[in-house]
Amino acid sequence: MKWFNKLSNENDNKMPLTMKNYLLIAIGVVIIILGFVLMAGGDAATAEEFNQNIFSFRRITLAPIVVIAGFAFEIYAILKRF
């Protein structure tokens, strides 16, 4: 990840967040959006019809874990000083 180490600026010592922090924050936002996309779906053809797919592993277990991991990554991206 040599390109990640090149993301520096002469004003980085003066600013609370560096360019690397902003890059990690953007990655965290993408992870959170991915988690919400994994939660989406499960609609039925009609309002009276029940679709059992809303209780799938992807929507009940995987998607919340991905969202929580995204928020944890955001906390790391904000607090880490590069």
PDB file of N, CA and C in Angstrom:
ATOM      1  N   MET A   1       0.824  -1.175   0.000  1.00  0.00           N
ATOM      2  CA  MET A   1       0.000   0.000   0.000  1.00  0.00           C
ATOM      3  C   MET A   1       0.872   1.244   0.000  1.00  0.00           C
ATOM      4  N   LYS A   2       1.760   1.305  -0.963  1.00  0.00           N
ATOM      5  CA  LYS A   2       2.639   2.460  -1.066  1.00  0.00           C
ATOM      6  C   LYS A   2       1.867   3.729  -1.393  1.00  0.00           C
ATOM      7  N   TRP A   3       0.791   3.603  -2.183  1.00  0.00           N
ATOM      8  CA  TRP A   3       0.019   4.787  -2.548  1.00  0.00           C
ATOM      9  C   TRP A   3      -0.657   5.393  -1.323  1.00  0.00           C
ATOM     10  N   PHE A   4      -0.984   4.554  -0.318  1.00  0.00           N
ATOM     11  CA  PHE A   4      -1.611   5.062   0.897  1.00  0.00           C
ATOM     12  C   PHE A   4      -0.630   5.916   1.693  1.00  0.00           C
ATOM     13  N   ASN A   5       0.646   5.540   1.686  1.00  0.00           N
ATOM     14  CA  ASN A   5       1.664   6.310   2.404  1.00  0.00           C
ATOM     15  C   ASN A   5       1.988   7.619   1.698  1.00  0.00           C
ATOM     16  N   LYS A   6       1.699   7.717   0.401  1.00  0.00           N
ATOM     17  CA  LYS A   6       1.951   8.952  -0.338  1.00  0.00           C
ATOM     18  C   LYS A   6       0.861   9.995  -0.134  1.00  0.00           C
ATOM     19  N   LEU A   7      -0.253   9.603   0.497  1.00  0.00           N
ATOM     20  CA  LEU A   7      -1.343  10.543   0.740  1.00  0.00           C
ATOM     21  C   LEU A   7      -1.005  11.437   1.930  1.00  0.00           C
ATOM     22  N   SER A   8      -0.176  12.386   1.730  1.00  0.00           N
ATOM     23  CA  SER A   8       0.163  13.319   2.791  1.00  0.00           C
ATOM     24  C   SER A   8       0.251  14.715   2.198  1.00  0.00           C
ATOM     25  N   ASN A   9       0.136  15.661   3.068  1.00  0.00           N
ATOM     26  CA  ASN A   9       0.106  17.052   2.664  1.00  0.00           C
ATOM     27  C   ASN A   9       0.964  17.829   3.662  1.00  0.00           C
ATOM     28  N   GLU A  10       1.436  18.990   3.258  1.00  0.00           N
ATOM     29  CA  GLU A  10       2.259  19.773   4.182  1.00  0.00           C
ATOM     30  C   GLU A  10       1.432  20.346   5.333  1.00  0.00           C
ATOM     31  N   ASN A  11       0.109  20.417   5.165  1.00  0.00           N
ATOM     32  CA  ASN A  11      -0.757  20.943   6.220  1.00  0.00           C
ATOM     33  C   ASN A  11      -1.297  19.851   7.137  1.00  0.00           C
ATOM     34  N   ASP A  12      -0.861  18.611   6.964  1.00  0.00           N
ATOM     35  CA  ASP A  12      -1.399  17.514   7.763  1.00  0.00           C
ATOM     36  C   ASP A  12      -1.109  17.671   9.254  1.00  0.00           C
ATOM     37  N   ASN A  13      -0.006  18.283   9.617  1.00  0.00           N
ATOM     38  CA  ASN A  13       0.312  18.448  11.032  1.00  0.00           C
ATOM     39  C   ASN A  13      -0.583  19.477  11.698  1.00  0.00           C
ATOM     40  N   LYS A  14      -1.178  20.373  10.924  1.00  0.00           N
ATOM     41  CA  LYS A  14      -2.028  21.421  11.476  1.00  0.00           C
ATOM     42  C   LYS A  14      -3.491  21.005  11.563  1.00  0.00           C
ATOM     43  N   MET A  15      -3.905  20.052  10.737  1.00  0.00           N
ATOM     44  CA  MET A  15      -5.307  19.668  10.656  1.00  0.00           C
ATOM     45  C   MET A  15      -5.604  18.500  11.599  1.00  0.00           C
ATOM     46  N   PRO A  16      -6.801  18.453  12.154  1.00  0.00           N
ATOM     47  CA  PRO A  16      -7.142  17.331  13.038  1.00  0.00           C
ATOM     48  C   PRO A  16      -7.287  16.003  12.292  1.00  0.00           C
ATOM     49  N   LEU A  17      -7.756  16.042  11.042  1.00  0.00           N
ATOM     50  CA  LEU A  17      -7.870  14.841  10.227  1.00  0.00           C
ATOM     51  C   LEU A  17      -7.025  15.006   8.973  1.00  0.00           C
ATOM     52  N   THR A  18      -6.319  13.961   8.615  1.00  0.00           N
ATOM     53  CA  THR A  18      -5.462  14.015   7.426  1.00  0.00           C
ATOM     54  C   THR A  18      -6.208  13.441   6.229  1.00  0.00           C
ATOM     55  N   MET A  19      -5.559  13.471   5.082  1.00  0.00           N
ATOM     56  CA  MET A  19      -6.153  12.926   3.875  1.00  0.00           C
ATOM     57  C   MET A  19      -6.380  11.418   4.019  1.00  0.00           C
ATOM     58  N   LYS A  20      -5.509  10.738   4.731  1.00  0.00           N
ATOM     59  CA  LYS A  20      -5.681   9.306   4.964  1.00  0.00           C
ATOM     60  C   LYS A  20      -6.942   9.041   5.783  1.00  0.00           C
ATOM     61  N   ASN A  21      -7.205   9.898   6.780  1.00  0.00           N
ATOM     62  CA  ASN A  21      -8.418   9.746   7.566  1.00  0.00           C
ATOM     63  C   ASN A  21      -9.663   9.883   6.688  1.00  0.00           C
ATOM     64  N   TYR A  22      -9.653  10.867   5.809  1.00  0.00           N
ATOM     65  CA  TYR A  22     -10.807  11.068   4.940  1.00  0.00           C
ATOM     66  C   TYR A  22     -11.002   9.899   3.986  1.00  0.00           C
ATOM     67  N   LEU A  23      -9.934   9.305   3.522  1.00  0.00           N
ATOM     68  CA  LEU A  23     -10.035   8.130   2.662  1.00  0.00           C
ATOM     69  C   LEU A  23     -10.641   6.958   3.437  1.00  0.00           C
ATOM     70  N   LEU A  24     -10.181   6.748   4.659  1.00  0.00           N
ATOM     71  CA  LEU A  24     -10.737   5.673   5.477  1.00  0.00           C
ATOM     72  C   LEU A  24     -12.191   5.934   5.840  1.00  0.00           C
ATOM     73  N   ILE A  25     -12.562   7.180   6.067  1.00  0.00           N
ATOM     74  CA  ILE A  25     -13.953   7.522   6.345  1.00  0.00           C
ATOM     75  C   ILE A  25     -14.823   7.195   5.137  1.00  0.00           C
ATOM     76  N   ALA A  26     -14.342   7.489   3.939  1.00  0.00           N
ATOM     77  CA  ALA A  26     -15.103   7.177   2.724  1.00  0.00           C
ATOM     78  C   ALA A  26     -15.269   5.662   2.568  1.00  0.00           C
ATOM     79  N   ILE A  27     -14.235   4.899   2.876  1.00  0.00           N
ATOM     80  CA  ILE A  27     -14.334   3.440   2.813  1.00  0.00           C
ATOM     81  C   ILE A  27     -15.365   2.937   3.829  1.00  0.00           C
ATOM     82  N   GLY A  28     -15.373   3.528   5.019  1.00  0.00           N
ATOM     83  CA  GLY A  28     -16.353   3.144   6.032  1.00  0.00           C
ATOM     84  C   GLY A  28     -17.784   3.431   5.603  1.00  0.00           C
ATOM     85  N   VAL A  29     -17.995   4.550   4.937  1.00  0.00           N
ATOM     86  CA  VAL A  29     -19.333   4.885   4.435  1.00  0.00           C
ATOM     87  C   VAL A  29     -19.778   3.857   3.398  1.00  0.00           C
ATOM     88  N   VAL A  30     -18.863   3.445   2.546  1.00  0.00           N
ATOM     89  CA  VAL A  30     -19.186   2.421   1.538  1.00  0.00           C
ATOM     90  C   VAL A  30     -19.556   1.108   2.220  1.00  0.00           C
ATOM     91  N   ILE A  31     -18.861   0.731   3.287  1.00  0.00           N
ATOM     92  CA  ILE A  31     -19.181  -0.500   4.016  1.00  0.00           C
ATOM     93  C   ILE A  31     -20.569  -0.411   4.637  1.00  0.00           C
ATOM     94  N   ILE A  32     -20.908   0.736   5.211  1.00  0.00           N
ATOM     95  CA  ILE A  32     -22.228   0.926   5.818  1.00  0.00           C
ATOM     96  C   ILE A  32     -23.323   0.853   4.753  1.00  0.00           C
ATOM     97  N   ILE A  33     -23.102   1.504   3.616  1.00  0.00           N
ATOM     98  CA  ILE A  33     -24.088   1.455   2.531  1.00  0.00           C
ATOM     99  C   ILE A  33     -24.256   0.023   2.035  1.00  0.00           C
ATOM    100  N   LEU A  34     -23.157  -0.727   1.932  1.00  0.00           N
ATOM    101  CA  LEU A  34     -23.242  -2.121   1.527  1.00  0.00           C
ATOM    102  C   LEU A  34     -24.095  -2.928   2.502  1.00  0.00           C
ATOM    103  N   GLY A  35     -23.951  -2.672   3.787  1.00  0.00           N
ATOM    104  CA  GLY A  35     -24.771  -3.362   4.779  1.00  0.00           C
ATOM    105  C   GLY A  35     -26.244  -3.061   4.619  1.00  0.00           C
ATOM    106  N   PHE A  36     -26.584  -1.803   4.345  1.00  0.00           N
ATOM    107  CA  PHE A  36     -27.992  -1.464   4.143  1.00  0.00           C
ATOM    108  C   PHE A  36     -28.532  -2.035   2.839  1.00  0.00           C
ATOM    109  N   VAL A  37     -27.704  -2.141   1.826  1.00  0.00           N
ATOM    110  CA  VAL A  37     -28.132  -2.777   0.572  1.00  0.00           C
ATOM    111  C   VAL A  37     -28.405  -4.260   0.816  1.00  0.00           C
ATOM    112  N   LEU A  38     -27.594  -4.900   1.643  1.00  0.00           N
ATOM    113  CA  LEU A  38     -27.830  -6.300   1.975  1.00  0.00           C
ATOM    114  C   LEU A  38     -29.141  -6.489   2.732  1.00  0.00           C
ATOM    115  N   MET A  39     -29.572  -5.495   3.490  1.00  0.00           N
ATOM    116  CA  MET A  39     -30.843  -5.577   4.216  1.00  0.00           C
ATOM    117  C   MET A  39     -32.046  -5.379   3.317  1.00  0.00           C
ATOM    118  N   ALA A  40     -31.882  -4.752   2.192  1.00  0.00           N
ATOM    119  CA  ALA A  40     -33.006  -4.394   1.329  1.00  0.00           C
ATOM    120  C   ALA A  40     -33.607  -5.615   0.660  1.00  0.00           C
ATOM    121  N   GLY A  41     -34.841  -5.438   0.199  1.00  0.00           N
ATOM    122  CA  GLY A  41     -35.508  -6.496  -0.556  1.00  0.00           C
ATOM    123  C   GLY A  41     -36.525  -7.225   0.276  1.00  0.00           C
ATOM    124  N   GLY A  42     -37.024  -8.325  -0.266  1.00  0.00           N
ATOM    125  CA  GLY A  42     -37.998  -9.138   0.449  1.00  0.00           C
ATOM    126  C   GLY A  42     -39.424  -8.684   0.253  1.00  0.00           C
ATOM    127  N   ASP A  43     -39.674  -7.916  -0.797  1.00  0.00           N
ATOM    128  CA  ASP A  43     -41.036  -7.436  -1.004  1.00  0.00           C
ATOM    129  C   ASP A  43     -41.895  -8.531  -1.620  1.00  0.00           C
ATOM    130  N   ALA A  44     -43.190  -8.485  -1.343  1.00  0.00           N
ATOM    131  CA  ALA A  44     -44.133  -9.461  -1.869  1.00  0.00           C
ATOM    132  C   ALA A  44     -44.808  -8.891  -3.116  1.00  0.00           C
ATOM    133  N   ALA A  45     -45.417  -9.775  -3.894  1.00  0.00           N
ATOM    134  CA  ALA A  45     -46.097  -9.348  -5.118  1.00  0.00           C
ATOM    135  C   ALA A  45     -47.328  -8.516  -4.788  1.00  0.00           C
ATOM    136  N   THR A  46     -48.057  -8.877  -3.738  1.00  0.00           N
ATOM    137  CA  THR A  46     -49.234  -8.114  -3.313  1.00  0.00           C
ATOM    138  C   THR A  46     -49.117  -7.826  -1.823  1.00  0.00           C
ATOM    139  N   ALA A  47     -49.944  -6.920  -1.350  1.00  0.00           N
ATOM    140  CA  ALA A  47     -49.898  -6.540   0.066  1.00  0.00           C
ATOM    141  C   ALA A  47     -50.412  -7.659   0.972  1.00  0.00           C
ATOM    142  N   GLU A  48     -51.285  -8.510   0.461  1.00  0.00           N
ATOM    143  CA  GLU A  48     -51.850  -9.596   1.266  1.00  0.00           C
ATOM    144  C   GLU A  48     -50.943 -10.815   1.316  1.00  0.00           C
ATOM    145  N   GLU A  49     -49.956 -10.869   0.479  1.00  0.00           N
ATOM    146  CA  GLU A  49     -49.080 -12.028   0.377  1.00  0.00           C
ATOM    147  C   GLU A  49     -47.880 -11.854   1.319  1.00  0.00           C
ATOM    148  N   PHE A  50     -47.540 -12.910   2.058  1.00  0.00           N
ATOM    149  CA  PHE A  50     -46.394 -12.869   2.966  1.00  0.00           C
ATOM    150  C   PHE A  50     -45.206 -13.549   2.307  1.00  0.00           C
ATOM    151  N   ASN A  51     -44.062 -12.902   2.363  1.00  0.00           N
ATOM    152  CA  ASN A  51     -42.854 -13.462   1.768  1.00  0.00           C
ATOM    153  C   ASN A  51     -41.910 -13.875   2.892  1.00  0.00           C
ATOM    154  N   GLN A  52     -41.588 -15.137   2.945  1.00  0.00           N
ATOM    155  CA  GLN A  52     -40.736 -15.680   4.000  1.00  0.00           C
ATOM    156  C   GLN A  52     -39.274 -15.241   3.849  1.00  0.00           C
ATOM    157  N   ASN A  53     -38.885 -14.677   2.715  1.00  0.00           N
ATOM    158  CA  ASN A  53     -37.498 -14.291   2.468  1.00  0.00           C
ATOM    159  C   ASN A  53     -37.015 -13.136   3.346  1.00  0.00           C
ATOM    160  N   ILE A  54     -37.919 -12.462   4.025  1.00  0.00           N
ATOM    161  CA  ILE A  54     -37.463 -11.374   4.895  1.00  0.00           C
ATOM    162  C   ILE A  54     -36.704 -11.900   6.102  1.00  0.00           C
ATOM    163  N   PHE A  55     -36.822 -13.182   6.393  1.00  0.00           N
ATOM    164  CA  PHE A  55     -36.131 -13.779   7.522  1.00  0.00           C
ATOM    165  C   PHE A  55     -34.897 -14.564   7.092  1.00  0.00           C
ATOM    166  N   SER A  56     -34.300 -14.212   5.977  1.00  0.00           N
ATOM    167  CA  SER A  56     -33.123 -14.932   5.493  1.00  0.00           C
ATOM    168  C   SER A  56     -31.887 -14.558   6.320  1.00  0.00           C
ATOM    169  N   PHE A  57     -30.875 -15.416   6.247  1.00  0.00           N
ATOM    170  CA  PHE A  57     -29.622 -15.184   6.972  1.00  0.00           C
ATOM    171  C   PHE A  57     -28.989 -13.857   6.565  1.00  0.00           C
ATOM    172  N   ARG A  58     -29.072 -13.538   5.298  1.00  0.00           N
ATOM    173  CA  ARG A  58     -28.448 -12.310   4.789  1.00  0.00           C
ATOM    174  C   ARG A  58     -29.055 -11.067   5.439  1.00  0.00           C
ATOM    175  N   ARG A  59     -30.372 -11.037   5.579  1.00  0.00           N
ATOM    176  CA  ARG A  59     -31.037  -9.839   6.114  1.00  0.00           C
ATOM    177  C   ARG A  59     -31.031  -9.773   7.630  1.00  0.00           C
ATOM    178  N   ILE A  60     -31.095 -10.907   8.282  1.00  0.00           N
ATOM    179  CA  ILE A  60     -31.212 -10.922   9.740  1.00  0.00           C
ATOM    180  C   ILE A  60     -29.853 -10.914  10.431  1.00  0.00           C
ATOM    181  N   THR A  61     -28.859 -11.571   9.864  1.00  0.00           N
ATOM    182  CA  THR A  61     -27.576 -11.727  10.545  1.00  0.00           C
ATOM    183  C   THR A  61     -26.441 -10.992   9.847  1.00  0.00           C
ATOM    184  N   LEU A  62     -26.237 -11.261   8.575  1.00  0.00           N
ATOM    185  CA  LEU A  62     -25.073 -10.733   7.862  1.00  0.00           C
ATOM    186  C   LEU A  62     -25.113  -9.213   7.726  1.00  0.00           C
ATOM    187  N   ALA A  63     -26.241  -8.671   7.290  1.00  0.00           N
ATOM    188  CA  ALA A  63     -26.334  -7.231   7.050  1.00  0.00           C
ATOM    189  C   ALA A  63     -26.110  -6.395   8.316  1.00  0.00           C
ATOM    190  N   PRO A  64     -26.722  -6.728   9.460  1.00  0.00           N
ATOM    191  CA  PRO A  64     -26.421  -5.943  10.671  1.00  0.00           C
ATOM    192  C   PRO A  64     -24.960  -6.031  11.108  1.00  0.00           C
ATOM    193  N   ILE A  65     -24.334  -7.200  10.912  1.00  0.00           N
ATOM    194  CA  ILE A  65     -22.919  -7.325  11.258  1.00  0.00           C
ATOM    195  C   ILE A  65     -22.075  -6.421  10.365  1.00  0.00           C
ATOM    196  N   VAL A  66     -22.406  -6.367   9.080  1.00  0.00           N
ATOM    197  CA  VAL A  66     -21.659  -5.506   8.151  1.00  0.00           C
ATOM    198  C   VAL A  66     -21.837  -4.037   8.518  1.00  0.00           C
ATOM    199  N   VAL A  67     -23.057  -3.636   8.884  1.00  0.00           N
ATOM    200  CA  VAL A  67     -23.304  -2.238   9.263  1.00  0.00           C
ATOM    201  C   VAL A  67     -22.537  -1.883  10.537  1.00  0.00           C
ATOM    202  N   ILE A  68     -22.575  -2.748  11.531  1.00  0.00           N
ATOM    203  CA  ILE A  68     -21.854  -2.479  12.786  1.00  0.00           C
ATOM    204  C   ILE A  68     -20.351  -2.442  12.536  1.00  0.00           C
ATOM    205  N   ALA A  69     -19.863  -3.328  11.677  1.00  0.00           N
ATOM    206  CA  ALA A  69     -18.437  -3.298  11.331  1.00  0.00           C
ATOM    207  C   ALA A  69     -18.085  -1.996  10.615  1.00  0.00           C
ATOM    208  N   GLY A  70     -18.978  -1.501   9.783  1.00  0.00           N
ATOM    209  CA  GLY A  70     -18.749  -0.221   9.104  1.00  0.00           C
ATOM    210  C   GLY A  70     -18.667   0.933  10.090  1.00  0.00           C
ATOM    211  N   PHE A  71     -19.562   0.942  11.078  1.00  0.00           N
ATOM    212  CA  PHE A  71     -19.507   2.001  12.092  1.00  0.00           C
ATOM    213  C   PHE A  71     -18.250   1.887  12.953  1.00  0.00           C
ATOM    214  N   ALA A  72     -17.838   0.678  13.278  1.00  0.00           N
ATOM    215  CA  ALA A  72     -16.594   0.499  14.035  1.00  0.00           C
ATOM    216  C   ALA A  72     -15.399   0.978  13.219  1.00  0.00           C
ATOM    217  N   PHE A  73     -15.412   0.707  11.918  1.00  0.00           N
ATOM    218  CA  PHE A  73     -14.352   1.183  11.039  1.00  0.00           C
ATOM    219  C   PHE A  73     -14.350   2.707  10.969  1.00  0.00           C
ATOM    220  N   GLU A  74     -15.526   3.322  10.986  1.00  0.00           N
ATOM    221  CA  GLU A  74     -15.623   4.788  11.000  1.00  0.00           C
ATOM    222  C   GLU A  74     -14.992   5.364  12.262  1.00  0.00           C
ATOM    223  N   ILE A  75     -15.265   4.752  13.392  1.00  0.00           N
ATOM    224  CA  ILE A  75     -14.675   5.223  14.654  1.00  0.00           C
ATOM    225  C   ILE A  75     -13.157   5.132  14.581  1.00  0.00           C
ATOM    226  N   TYR A  76     -12.645   4.020  14.053  1.00  0.00           N
ATOM    227  CA  TYR A  76     -11.205   3.871  13.897  1.00  0.00           C
ATOM    228  C   TYR A  76     -10.649   4.935  12.949  1.00  0.00           C
ATOM    229  N   ALA A  77     -11.356   5.174  11.841  1.00  0.00           N
ATOM    230  CA  ALA A  77     -10.870   6.139  10.838  1.00  0.00           C
ATOM    231  C   ALA A  77     -10.820   7.554  11.398  1.00  0.00           C
ATOM    232  N   ILE A  78     -11.722   7.879  12.287  1.00  0.00           N
ATOM    233  CA  ILE A  78     -11.730   9.224  12.867  1.00  0.00           C
ATOM    234  C   ILE A  78     -10.699   9.362  13.973  1.00  0.00           C
ATOM    235  N   LEU A  79     -10.539   8.347  14.795  1.00  0.00           N
ATOM    236  CA  LEU A  79      -9.647   8.462  15.952  1.00  0.00           C
ATOM    237  C   LEU A  79      -8.185   8.185  15.651  1.00  0.00           C
ATOM    238  N   LYS A  80      -7.890   7.447  14.582  1.00  0.00           N
ATOM    239  CA  LYS A  80      -6.506   7.111  14.255  1.00  0.00           C
ATOM    240  C   LYS A  80      -5.775   8.346  13.760  1.00  0.00           C
ATOM    241  N   ARG A  81      -4.629   8.604  14.327  1.00  0.00           N
ATOM    242  CA  ARG A  81      -3.797   9.743  13.900  1.00  0.00           C
ATOM    243  C   ARG A  81      -2.667   9.236  13.035  1.00  0.00           C
ATOM    244  N   PHE A  82      -2.635   9.685  11.795  1.00  0.00           N
ATOM    245  CA  PHE A  82      -1.597   9.275  10.848  1.00  0.00           C
ATOM    246  C   PHE A  82      -0.502  10.303  10.801  1.00  0.00           C
TER     247      PHE A  82
END
